[in-house]
Amino acid sequence: MPPSPAPLLHRLLGLVLVLLIATAGGSPAQAALTTNSYDGNIYALYAGNGSLVPPRSSLEQAMADHRAAVVVYYLDDSADSKQFSPVLNELQRLWGRSVELIPLTTDALQNRPETGPTDPAHYWKGEIPQVVVFDPQGEVILEGSGQVDIDVINAALTRATGLDPTAGAGTSTTRSFNELNSEVVPAG
């Protein structure tokens, strides 16, 4: 008796189905540094450093420990925040052991009452990105919105800590090295 064509037909239909699924809706993933689209963790994608989020400490803990801190308010779906993300990566490289870096998405801060000076909502002005630098006593040394220059942040951290890991480095600038990632490099 000859073999039934049904198993061969089922295999062929299965192969066609797999090919259709693999190619249907196969639009490539698109990430864009200059749009307000949600692309995921901006620090992992645009700064090449996913270790910044979640922050290792809170503002309340940094103040209790008398450590200088940098709070950066951002949104993952903000072009301005995406373009600012390499600055925080460079701050981690320079200051990571000396100060607390606290990047906070503003989603959790919106439409809730602030609870006092150890609450990050107390300092957020509704703008992104926003940078607030605190000295070890919890005093605000720098408040800035938008693309705050890294050299301005470094100067505030030097005032707050008495340290200067950038001594002799001169000024810096942000350089893109592909369509997604940027890095902070010495100007010149």
N, C-alpha and C. Protein backbone atom coordinates (compact mmCIF):
# COMPACT_ATOMS: atom_id res chain seq x y z
N MET A 1 0.84 -1.16 0.00
CA MET A 1 0.00 0.00 0.00
C MET A 1 0.89 1.24 0.00
N PRO A 2 0.65 2.24 -0.87
CA PRO A 2 1.49 3.44 -0.95
C PRO A 2 1.28 4.33 0.27
N PRO A 3 2.34 5.07 0.71
CA PRO A 3 2.21 5.96 1.88
C PRO A 3 1.22 7.08 1.59
N SER A 4 0.53 7.50 2.63
CA SER A 4 -0.46 8.57 2.52
C SER A 4 0.25 9.92 2.36
N PRO A 5 -0.27 10.77 1.48
CA PRO A 5 0.36 12.09 1.30
C PRO A 5 0.07 13.05 2.45
N ALA A 6 -0.79 12.68 3.38
CA ALA A 6 -1.17 13.59 4.46
C ALA A 6 0.01 14.04 5.32
N PRO A 7 0.94 13.15 5.79
CA PRO A 7 2.06 13.63 6.60
C PRO A 7 2.95 14.62 5.84
N LEU A 8 3.17 14.35 4.56
CA LEU A 8 3.99 15.26 3.75
C LEU A 8 3.29 16.60 3.60
N LEU A 9 1.99 16.58 3.40
CA LEU A 9 1.22 17.80 3.27
C LEU A 9 1.23 18.59 4.57
N HIS A 10 1.11 17.92 5.71
CA HIS A 10 1.15 18.59 7.02
C HIS A 10 2.51 19.26 7.26
N ARG A 11 3.58 18.56 6.88
CA ARG A 11 4.92 19.15 7.05
C ARG A 11 5.08 20.38 6.17
N LEU A 12 4.61 20.29 4.94
CA LEU A 12 4.72 21.41 4.01
C LEU A 12 3.90 22.59 4.50
N LEU A 13 2.69 22.34 4.97
CA LEU A 13 1.86 23.42 5.52
C LEU A 13 2.51 24.02 6.78
N GLY A 14 3.10 23.19 7.61
CA GLY A 14 3.80 23.69 8.80
C GLY A 14 4.96 24.58 8.43
N LEU A 15 5.73 24.20 7.42
CA LEU A 15 6.85 25.01 6.97
C LEU A 15 6.37 26.34 6.41
N VAL A 16 5.31 26.32 5.63
CA VAL A 16 4.74 27.56 5.09
C VAL A 16 4.27 28.46 6.23
N LEU A 17 3.61 27.87 7.24
CA LEU A 17 3.13 28.64 8.39
C LEU A 17 4.29 29.29 9.14
N VAL A 18 5.35 28.55 9.37
CA VAL A 18 6.53 29.10 10.05
C VAL A 18 7.12 30.25 9.25
N LEU A 19 7.23 30.11 7.95
CA LEU A 19 7.77 31.19 7.11
C LEU A 19 6.87 32.41 7.13
N LEU A 20 5.56 32.22 7.12
CA LEU A 20 4.64 33.35 7.19
C LEU A 20 4.76 34.09 8.52
N ILE A 21 4.84 33.34 9.60
CA ILE A 21 4.97 33.96 10.92
C ILE A 21 6.30 34.71 11.03
N ALA A 22 7.35 34.14 10.50
CA ALA A 22 8.68 34.77 10.59
C ALA A 22 8.75 36.06 9.79
N THR A 23 7.99 36.15 8.69
CA THR A 23 8.08 37.35 7.85
C THR A 23 6.93 38.32 8.07
N ALA A 24 5.81 37.88 8.61
CA ALA A 24 4.67 38.76 8.83
C ALA A 24 4.95 39.72 9.98
N GLY A 25 4.63 40.96 9.78
CA GLY A 25 4.84 41.94 10.83
C GLY A 25 6.29 42.08 11.23
N GLY A 26 7.16 41.77 10.35
CA GLY A 26 8.59 41.77 10.65
C GLY A 26 9.24 43.12 10.43
N SER A 27 8.55 44.17 10.80
CA SER A 27 9.18 45.47 10.65
C SER A 27 10.33 45.56 11.65
N PRO A 28 11.43 46.14 11.26
CA PRO A 28 12.58 46.20 12.15
C PRO A 28 12.32 47.12 13.34
N ALA A 29 12.97 46.81 14.44
CA ALA A 29 12.87 47.68 15.62
C ALA A 29 13.52 49.01 15.30
N GLN A 30 12.90 50.06 15.75
CA GLN A 30 13.40 51.39 15.45
C GLN A 30 13.63 52.14 16.76
N ALA A 31 14.81 52.56 16.98
CA ALA A 31 15.12 53.41 18.12
C ALA A 31 15.63 54.72 17.56
N ALA A 32 15.21 55.82 18.16
CA ALA A 32 15.57 57.12 17.61
C ALA A 32 15.95 58.09 18.72
N LEU A 33 17.16 58.54 18.67
CA LEU A 33 17.71 59.46 19.67
C LEU A 33 16.99 60.81 19.66
N THR A 34 16.46 61.22 18.53
CA THR A 34 15.90 62.56 18.40
C THR A 34 14.38 62.60 18.40
N THR A 35 13.72 61.51 18.80
CA THR A 35 12.26 61.52 18.88
C THR A 35 11.80 61.22 20.29
N ASN A 36 10.56 61.56 20.56
CA ASN A 36 9.96 61.28 21.86
C ASN A 36 9.29 59.91 21.88
N SER A 37 9.95 58.94 21.29
CA SER A 37 9.42 57.58 21.28
C SER A 37 10.02 56.79 22.44
N TYR A 38 9.25 55.81 22.91
CA TYR A 38 9.75 54.95 23.97
C TYR A 38 10.57 53.83 23.33
N ASP A 39 11.85 53.74 23.68
CA ASP A 39 12.74 52.74 23.12
C ASP A 39 13.28 51.80 24.18
N GLY A 40 12.91 51.99 25.43
CA GLY A 40 13.44 51.19 26.52
C GLY A 40 14.30 52.05 27.43
N ASN A 41 15.14 51.41 28.23
CA ASN A 41 16.02 52.11 29.17
C ASN A 41 17.01 52.97 28.38
N ILE A 42 16.88 54.28 28.50
CA ILE A 42 17.74 55.18 27.71
C ILE A 42 19.20 55.07 28.11
N TYR A 43 19.49 54.72 29.35
CA TYR A 43 20.88 54.63 29.77
C TYR A 43 21.54 53.39 29.17
N ALA A 44 20.81 52.31 29.07
CA ALA A 44 21.36 51.11 28.44
C ALA A 44 21.50 51.32 26.93
N LEU A 45 20.51 51.95 26.30
CA LEU A 45 20.49 52.07 24.85
C LEU A 45 21.37 53.20 24.33
N TYR A 46 21.24 54.38 24.90
CA TYR A 46 21.92 55.55 24.34
C TYR A 46 23.23 55.89 25.03
N ALA A 47 23.43 55.45 26.26
CA ALA A 47 24.68 55.72 26.95
C ALA A 47 25.51 54.45 27.11
N GLY A 48 24.95 53.32 26.73
CA GLY A 48 25.68 52.06 26.83
C GLY A 48 25.93 51.63 28.26
N ASN A 49 25.04 52.02 29.19
CA ASN A 49 25.28 51.75 30.59
C ASN A 49 23.97 51.52 31.34
N GLY A 50 23.52 50.31 31.37
CA GLY A 50 22.29 49.99 32.07
C GLY A 50 22.44 49.95 33.58
N SER A 51 23.66 50.09 34.10
CA SER A 51 23.87 50.00 35.54
C SER A 51 23.40 51.25 36.29
N LEU A 52 23.03 52.29 35.57
CA LEU A 52 22.57 53.52 36.22
C LEU A 52 21.15 53.41 36.76
N VAL A 53 20.36 52.51 36.21
CA VAL A 53 18.97 52.38 36.60
C VAL A 53 18.71 50.94 37.01
N PRO A 54 18.15 50.69 38.15
CA PRO A 54 17.75 51.66 39.16
C PRO A 54 18.97 52.19 39.91
N PRO A 55 18.83 53.38 40.49
CA PRO A 55 19.96 53.94 41.24
C PRO A 55 20.29 53.08 42.45
N ARG A 56 21.55 53.09 42.84
CA ARG A 56 21.97 52.23 43.97
C ARG A 56 21.56 52.81 45.32
N SER A 57 21.18 54.09 45.34
CA SER A 57 20.81 54.74 46.59
C SER A 57 19.67 55.72 46.34
N SER A 58 19.03 56.13 47.39
CA SER A 58 17.97 57.14 47.29
C SER A 58 18.51 58.48 47.78
N LEU A 59 17.79 59.54 47.49
CA LEU A 59 18.19 60.86 47.98
C LEU A 59 18.15 60.87 49.51
N GLU A 60 17.14 60.26 50.07
CA GLU A 60 17.04 60.20 51.53
C GLU A 60 18.26 59.51 52.14
N GLN A 61 18.69 58.39 51.56
CA GLN A 61 19.85 57.67 52.08
C GLN A 61 21.13 58.48 51.89
N ALA A 62 21.30 59.12 50.73
CA ALA A 62 22.49 59.94 50.49
C ALA A 62 22.58 61.07 51.51
N MET A 63 21.45 61.69 51.81
CA MET A 63 21.45 62.78 52.80
C MET A 63 21.75 62.24 54.20
N ALA A 64 21.19 61.08 54.54
CA ALA A 64 21.46 60.48 55.86
C ALA A 64 22.92 60.09 56.00
N ASP A 65 23.55 59.68 54.90
CA ASP A 65 24.96 59.28 54.91
C ASP A 65 25.91 60.47 54.70
N HIS A 66 25.37 61.67 54.54
CA HIS A 66 26.16 62.88 54.29
C HIS A 66 27.07 62.71 53.07
N ARG A 67 26.46 62.24 51.98
CA ARG A 67 27.18 62.08 50.70
C ARG A 67 26.64 63.10 49.70
N ALA A 68 27.53 63.64 48.91
CA ALA A 68 27.10 64.50 47.81
C ALA A 68 26.28 63.65 46.84
N ALA A 69 25.32 64.28 46.18
CA ALA A 69 24.44 63.53 45.28
C ALA A 69 24.08 64.36 44.06
N VAL A 70 23.83 63.65 42.97
CA VAL A 70 23.33 64.26 41.75
C VAL A 70 22.02 63.54 41.42
N VAL A 71 20.93 64.29 41.43
CA VAL A 71 19.64 63.73 41.03
C VAL A 71 19.36 64.23 39.62
N VAL A 72 19.05 63.30 38.74
CA VAL A 72 18.70 63.64 37.35
C VAL A 72 17.29 63.15 37.11
N TYR A 73 16.40 64.08 36.79
CA TYR A 73 15.02 63.74 36.46
C TYR A 73 14.93 63.56 34.95
N TYR A 74 14.29 62.46 34.52
CA TYR A 74 14.25 62.16 33.09
C TYR A 74 13.00 61.36 32.76
N LEU A 75 12.77 61.17 31.47
CA LEU A 75 11.76 60.25 30.96
C LEU A 75 12.38 59.43 29.86
N ASP A 76 12.07 58.15 29.81
CA ASP A 76 12.61 57.28 28.77
C ASP A 76 12.10 57.64 27.38
N ASP A 77 10.96 58.32 27.30
CA ASP A 77 10.41 58.67 25.99
C ASP A 77 10.58 60.16 25.68
N SER A 78 11.67 60.73 26.14
CA SER A 78 11.99 62.14 25.88
C SER A 78 13.29 62.24 25.09
N ALA A 79 13.23 62.89 23.93
CA ALA A 79 14.43 63.07 23.12
C ALA A 79 15.50 63.83 23.90
N ASP A 80 15.09 64.83 24.67
CA ASP A 80 16.07 65.59 25.46
C ASP A 80 16.75 64.71 26.51
N SER A 81 15.99 63.83 27.15
CA SER A 81 16.57 62.91 28.13
C SER A 81 17.51 61.92 27.45
N LYS A 82 17.12 61.42 26.29
CA LYS A 82 17.97 60.48 25.54
C LYS A 82 19.31 61.13 25.21
N GLN A 83 19.26 62.38 24.76
CA GLN A 83 20.48 63.07 24.35
C GLN A 83 21.35 63.44 25.55
N PHE A 84 20.74 63.54 26.72
CA PHE A 84 21.49 63.88 27.94
C PHE A 84 22.08 62.64 28.61
N SER A 85 21.61 61.45 28.29
CA SER A 85 22.02 60.23 28.99
C SER A 85 23.53 59.97 28.99
N PRO A 86 24.28 60.29 27.93
CA PRO A 86 25.74 60.06 28.00
C PRO A 86 26.43 60.91 29.08
N VAL A 87 25.84 62.05 29.42
CA VAL A 87 26.43 62.89 30.46
C VAL A 87 26.41 62.16 31.79
N LEU A 88 25.31 61.51 32.11
CA LEU A 88 25.23 60.78 33.37
C LEU A 88 26.19 59.59 33.38
N ASN A 89 26.36 58.97 32.24
CA ASN A 89 27.33 57.88 32.12
C ASN A 89 28.75 58.39 32.42
N GLU A 90 29.09 59.55 31.89
CA GLU A 90 30.41 60.12 32.15
C GLU A 90 30.54 60.55 33.62
N LEU A 91 29.47 61.06 34.20
CA LEU A 91 29.51 61.41 35.63
C LEU A 91 29.77 60.16 36.47
N GLN A 92 29.18 59.05 36.08
CA GLN A 92 29.44 57.81 36.81
C GLN A 92 30.91 57.41 36.69
N ARG A 93 31.47 57.56 35.49
CA ARG A 93 32.87 57.21 35.30
C ARG A 93 33.77 58.08 36.18
N LEU A 94 33.49 59.37 36.25
CA LEU A 94 34.35 60.29 37.00
C LEU A 94 34.08 60.28 38.50
N TRP A 95 32.81 60.22 38.88
CA TRP A 95 32.42 60.46 40.26
C TRP A 95 31.77 59.26 40.95
N GLY A 96 31.64 58.15 40.28
CA GLY A 96 30.86 57.02 40.78
C GLY A 96 31.18 56.55 42.18
N ARG A 97 32.41 56.70 42.61
CA ARG A 97 32.78 56.27 43.97
C ARG A 97 32.70 57.40 44.99
N SER A 98 32.57 58.63 44.51
CA SER A 98 32.60 59.78 45.41
C SER A 98 31.25 60.39 45.70
N VAL A 99 30.29 60.23 44.79
CA VAL A 99 28.97 60.83 44.97
C VAL A 99 27.89 59.81 44.60
N GLU A 100 26.69 60.08 45.03
CA GLU A 100 25.54 59.24 44.66
C GLU A 100 24.92 59.81 43.39
N LEU A 101 24.80 58.99 42.37
CA LEU A 101 24.12 59.37 41.14
C LEU A 101 22.73 58.74 41.19
N ILE A 102 21.72 59.59 41.09
CA ILE A 102 20.35 59.13 41.28
C ILE A 102 19.49 59.57 40.10
N PRO A 103 19.49 58.80 39.02
CA PRO A 103 18.59 59.10 37.91
C PRO A 103 17.17 58.63 38.25
N LEU A 104 16.20 59.52 38.11
CA LEU A 104 14.82 59.19 38.47
C LEU A 104 13.88 59.54 37.33
N THR A 105 13.10 58.57 36.91
CA THR A 105 12.05 58.87 35.95
C THR A 105 10.96 59.64 36.68
N THR A 106 10.41 60.62 36.03
CA THR A 106 9.45 61.50 36.70
C THR A 106 8.05 60.90 36.77
N ASP A 107 7.84 59.77 36.13
CA ASP A 107 6.51 59.15 36.16
C ASP A 107 6.02 58.94 37.60
N ALA A 108 6.89 58.47 38.47
CA ALA A 108 6.51 58.18 39.86
C ALA A 108 6.33 59.45 40.69
N LEU A 109 6.83 60.59 40.22
CA LEU A 109 6.75 61.83 40.98
C LEU A 109 5.52 62.67 40.64
N GLN A 110 4.92 62.39 39.51
CA GLN A 110 3.82 63.21 39.04
C GLN A 110 2.55 62.96 39.85
N ASN A 111 1.83 64.04 40.11
CA ASN A 111 0.51 63.99 40.75
C ASN A 111 0.53 63.33 42.12
N ARG A 112 1.58 63.58 42.87
CA ARG A 112 1.61 63.11 44.26
C ARG A 112 2.22 64.21 45.10
N PRO A 113 1.80 64.31 46.34
CA PRO A 113 2.37 65.35 47.21
C PRO A 113 3.81 65.00 47.59
N GLU A 114 4.64 66.02 47.70
CA GLU A 114 6.01 65.78 48.16
C GLU A 114 6.01 65.75 49.67
N THR A 115 6.99 65.02 50.22
CA THR A 115 6.97 64.77 51.66
C THR A 115 8.09 65.46 52.43
N GLY A 116 8.79 66.39 51.81
CA GLY A 116 9.83 67.10 52.53
C GLY A 116 11.15 67.11 51.78
N PRO A 117 12.20 67.66 52.41
CA PRO A 117 13.47 67.87 51.71
C PRO A 117 14.25 66.59 51.37
N THR A 118 13.88 65.44 51.88
CA THR A 118 14.55 64.21 51.46
C THR A 118 13.81 63.52 50.32
N ASP A 119 12.70 64.09 49.91
CA ASP A 119 11.87 63.54 48.82
C ASP A 119 12.30 64.21 47.51
N PRO A 120 12.68 63.44 46.50
CA PRO A 120 13.08 64.03 45.22
C PRO A 120 11.99 64.89 44.58
N ALA A 121 10.72 64.62 44.86
CA ALA A 121 9.63 65.43 44.31
C ALA A 121 9.71 66.88 44.80
N HIS A 122 10.33 67.09 45.94
CA HIS A 122 10.49 68.43 46.51
C HIS A 122 11.29 69.35 45.58
N TYR A 123 12.22 68.79 44.81
CA TYR A 123 13.14 69.58 43.99
C TYR A 123 12.77 69.59 42.50
N TRP A 124 11.89 68.69 42.09
CA TRP A 124 11.55 68.61 40.67
C TRP A 124 10.66 69.77 40.27
N LYS A 125 11.04 70.47 39.21
CA LYS A 125 10.34 71.66 38.74
C LYS A 125 9.42 71.37 37.55
N GLY A 126 9.25 70.09 37.20
CA GLY A 126 8.37 69.73 36.10
C GLY A 126 9.06 69.74 34.75
N GLU A 127 10.38 69.84 34.74
CA GLU A 127 11.13 69.87 33.49
C GLU A 127 12.02 68.65 33.39
N ILE A 128 12.28 68.22 32.15
CA ILE A 128 13.20 67.10 31.93
C ILE A 128 14.10 67.42 30.75
N PRO A 129 15.32 66.98 30.76
CA PRO A 129 15.99 66.54 31.98
C PRO A 129 16.23 67.71 32.91
N GLN A 130 16.32 67.39 34.16
CA GLN A 130 16.64 68.38 35.20
C GLN A 130 17.72 67.76 36.08
N VAL A 131 18.71 68.57 36.46
CA VAL A 131 19.82 68.12 37.28
C VAL A 131 19.83 68.94 38.57
N VAL A 132 19.95 68.24 39.71
CA VAL A 132 20.10 68.92 41.00
C VAL A 132 21.30 68.28 41.68
N VAL A 133 22.28 69.10 42.05
CA VAL A 133 23.48 68.64 42.76
C VAL A 133 23.38 69.08 44.21
N PHE A 134 23.60 68.13 45.12
CA PHE A 134 23.55 68.38 46.56
C PHE A 134 24.93 68.20 47.16
N ASP A 135 25.26 69.03 48.14
CA ASP A 135 26.51 68.82 48.87
C ASP A 135 26.25 67.81 49.99
N PRO A 136 27.28 67.39 50.72
CA PRO A 136 27.08 66.38 51.77
C PRO A 136 26.13 66.81 52.89
N GLN A 137 25.89 68.11 53.05
CA GLN A 137 24.96 68.58 54.07
C GLN A 137 23.52 68.65 53.54
N GLY A 138 23.30 68.27 52.29
CA GLY A 138 21.96 68.27 51.71
C GLY A 138 21.55 69.58 51.10
N GLU A 139 22.49 70.52 50.99
CA GLU A 139 22.20 71.82 50.38
C GLU A 139 22.31 71.72 48.87
N VAL A 140 21.41 72.40 48.17
CA VAL A 140 21.45 72.42 46.72
C VAL A 140 22.59 73.33 46.26
N ILE A 141 23.49 72.78 45.46
CA ILE A 141 24.64 73.51 44.91
C ILE A 141 24.35 73.96 43.48
N LEU A 142 23.57 73.15 42.75
CA LEU A 142 23.27 73.44 41.35
C LEU A 142 21.90 72.90 41.01
N GLU A 143 21.11 73.73 40.32
CA GLU A 143 19.85 73.30 39.73
C GLU A 143 19.89 73.74 38.29
N GLY A 144 19.65 72.81 37.38
CA GLY A 144 19.65 73.16 35.97
C GLY A 144 18.69 72.28 35.19
N SER A 145 18.14 72.84 34.12
CA SER A 145 17.22 72.09 33.27
C SER A 145 17.74 72.04 31.85
N GLY A 146 17.33 71.03 31.13
CA GLY A 146 17.75 70.88 29.74
C GLY A 146 19.12 70.23 29.66
N GLN A 147 19.86 70.56 28.64
CA GLN A 147 21.18 69.96 28.39
C GLN A 147 22.24 70.68 29.23
N VAL A 148 22.23 70.43 30.52
CA VAL A 148 23.19 71.05 31.43
C VAL A 148 24.58 70.56 31.07
N ASP A 149 25.49 71.48 30.87
CA ASP A 149 26.85 71.15 30.47
C ASP A 149 27.55 70.34 31.55
N ILE A 150 28.21 69.28 31.14
CA ILE A 150 28.89 68.40 32.11
C ILE A 150 29.97 69.15 32.89
N ASP A 151 30.60 70.13 32.27
CA ASP A 151 31.63 70.88 32.98
C ASP A 151 31.04 71.71 34.11
N VAL A 152 29.81 72.19 33.94
CA VAL A 152 29.11 72.92 35.00
C VAL A 152 28.78 71.96 36.15
N ILE A 153 28.33 70.76 35.81
CA ILE A 153 28.03 69.76 36.85
C ILE A 153 29.31 69.35 37.57
N ASN A 154 30.38 69.13 36.83
CA ASN A 154 31.67 68.78 37.45
C ASN A 154 32.15 69.86 38.40
N ALA A 155 31.99 71.12 38.00
CA ALA A 155 32.42 72.24 38.86
C ALA A 155 31.60 72.25 40.15
N ALA A 156 30.29 72.00 40.05
CA ALA A 156 29.45 71.96 41.24
C ALA A 156 29.85 70.79 42.15
N LEU A 157 30.15 69.65 41.55
CA LEU A 157 30.58 68.50 42.36
C LEU A 157 31.94 68.73 43.01
N THR A 158 32.82 69.43 42.33
CA THR A 158 34.11 69.79 42.92
C THR A 158 33.90 70.69 44.13
N ARG A 159 32.99 71.68 44.00
CA ARG A 159 32.67 72.55 45.14
C ARG A 159 32.07 71.74 46.29
N ALA A 160 31.21 70.78 45.95
CA ALA A 160 30.51 70.00 46.97
C ALA A 160 31.42 69.02 47.70
N THR A 161 32.41 68.47 46.99
CA THR A 161 33.23 67.40 47.57
C THR A 161 34.67 67.80 47.88
N GLY A 162 35.16 68.85 47.24
CA GLY A 162 36.57 69.20 47.37
C GLY A 162 37.45 68.35 46.48
N LEU A 163 36.88 67.44 45.70
CA LEU A 163 37.62 66.58 44.79
C LEU A 163 37.52 67.14 43.37
N ASP A 164 38.48 66.79 42.53
CA ASP A 164 38.41 67.19 41.13
C ASP A 164 38.99 66.10 40.23
N PRO A 165 38.18 65.10 39.89
CA PRO A 165 38.69 64.03 39.03
C PRO A 165 38.93 64.48 37.60
N THR A 166 38.51 65.70 37.28
CA THR A 166 38.68 66.21 35.92
C THR A 166 39.88 67.15 35.81
N ALA A 167 40.66 67.29 36.86
CA ALA A 167 41.80 68.22 36.85
C ALA A 167 42.69 67.97 35.64
N GLY A 168 42.93 69.03 34.88
CA GLY A 168 43.80 68.94 33.72
C GLY A 168 43.12 68.39 32.49
N ALA A 169 41.85 68.03 32.60
CA ALA A 169 41.16 67.44 31.45
C ALA A 169 40.60 68.48 30.50
N GLY A 170 40.47 69.72 30.95
CA GLY A 170 39.89 70.75 30.09
C GLY A 170 38.39 70.59 29.97
N THR A 171 37.82 71.14 28.91
CA THR A 171 36.38 71.05 28.71
C THR A 171 36.05 69.79 27.91
N SER A 172 34.78 69.43 27.92
CA SER A 172 34.37 68.23 27.22
C SER A 172 33.17 68.50 26.32
N THR A 173 32.89 67.56 25.45
CA THR A 173 31.78 67.65 24.52
C THR A 173 31.21 66.25 24.31
N THR A 174 29.97 66.19 23.82
CA THR A 174 29.34 64.91 23.53
C THR A 174 29.55 64.58 22.07
N ARG A 175 29.99 63.34 21.81
CA ARG A 175 30.27 62.89 20.45
C ARG A 175 29.46 61.63 20.18
N SER A 176 28.76 61.59 19.04
CA SER A 176 28.03 60.39 18.64
C SER A 176 28.99 59.48 17.90
N PHE A 177 28.96 58.19 18.23
CA PHE A 177 29.83 57.26 17.52
C PHE A 177 29.05 56.24 16.71
N ASN A 178 27.73 56.27 16.76
CA ASN A 178 26.87 55.56 15.82
C ASN A 178 25.50 56.21 15.90
N GLU A 179 24.52 55.64 15.23
CA GLU A 179 23.21 56.30 15.18
C GLU A 179 22.48 56.29 16.51
N LEU A 180 22.91 55.50 17.47
CA LEU A 180 22.24 55.43 18.76
C LEU A 180 23.07 55.94 19.92
N ASN A 181 24.35 55.66 19.95
CA ASN A 181 25.16 55.91 21.14
C ASN A 181 26.01 57.16 21.01
N SER A 182 26.23 57.78 22.16
CA SER A 182 27.10 58.94 22.27
C SER A 182 28.00 58.74 23.47
N GLU A 183 29.06 59.55 23.52
CA GLU A 183 29.93 59.54 24.68
C GLU A 183 30.43 60.94 24.92
N VAL A 184 30.83 61.21 26.14
CA VAL A 184 31.40 62.50 26.48
C VAL A 184 32.92 62.38 26.35
N VAL A 185 33.52 63.29 25.60
CA VAL A 185 34.96 63.25 25.34
C VAL A 185 35.55 64.65 25.58
N PRO A 186 36.86 64.73 25.81
CA PRO A 186 37.49 66.05 25.94
C PRO A 186 37.30 66.86 24.65
N ALA A 187 37.00 68.14 24.80
CA ALA A 187 36.84 69.01 23.63
C ALA A 187 38.22 69.27 23.01
N GLY A 188 38.20 69.45 21.73
CA GLY A 188 39.48 69.78 21.12
C GLY A 188 39.75 69.18 19.86
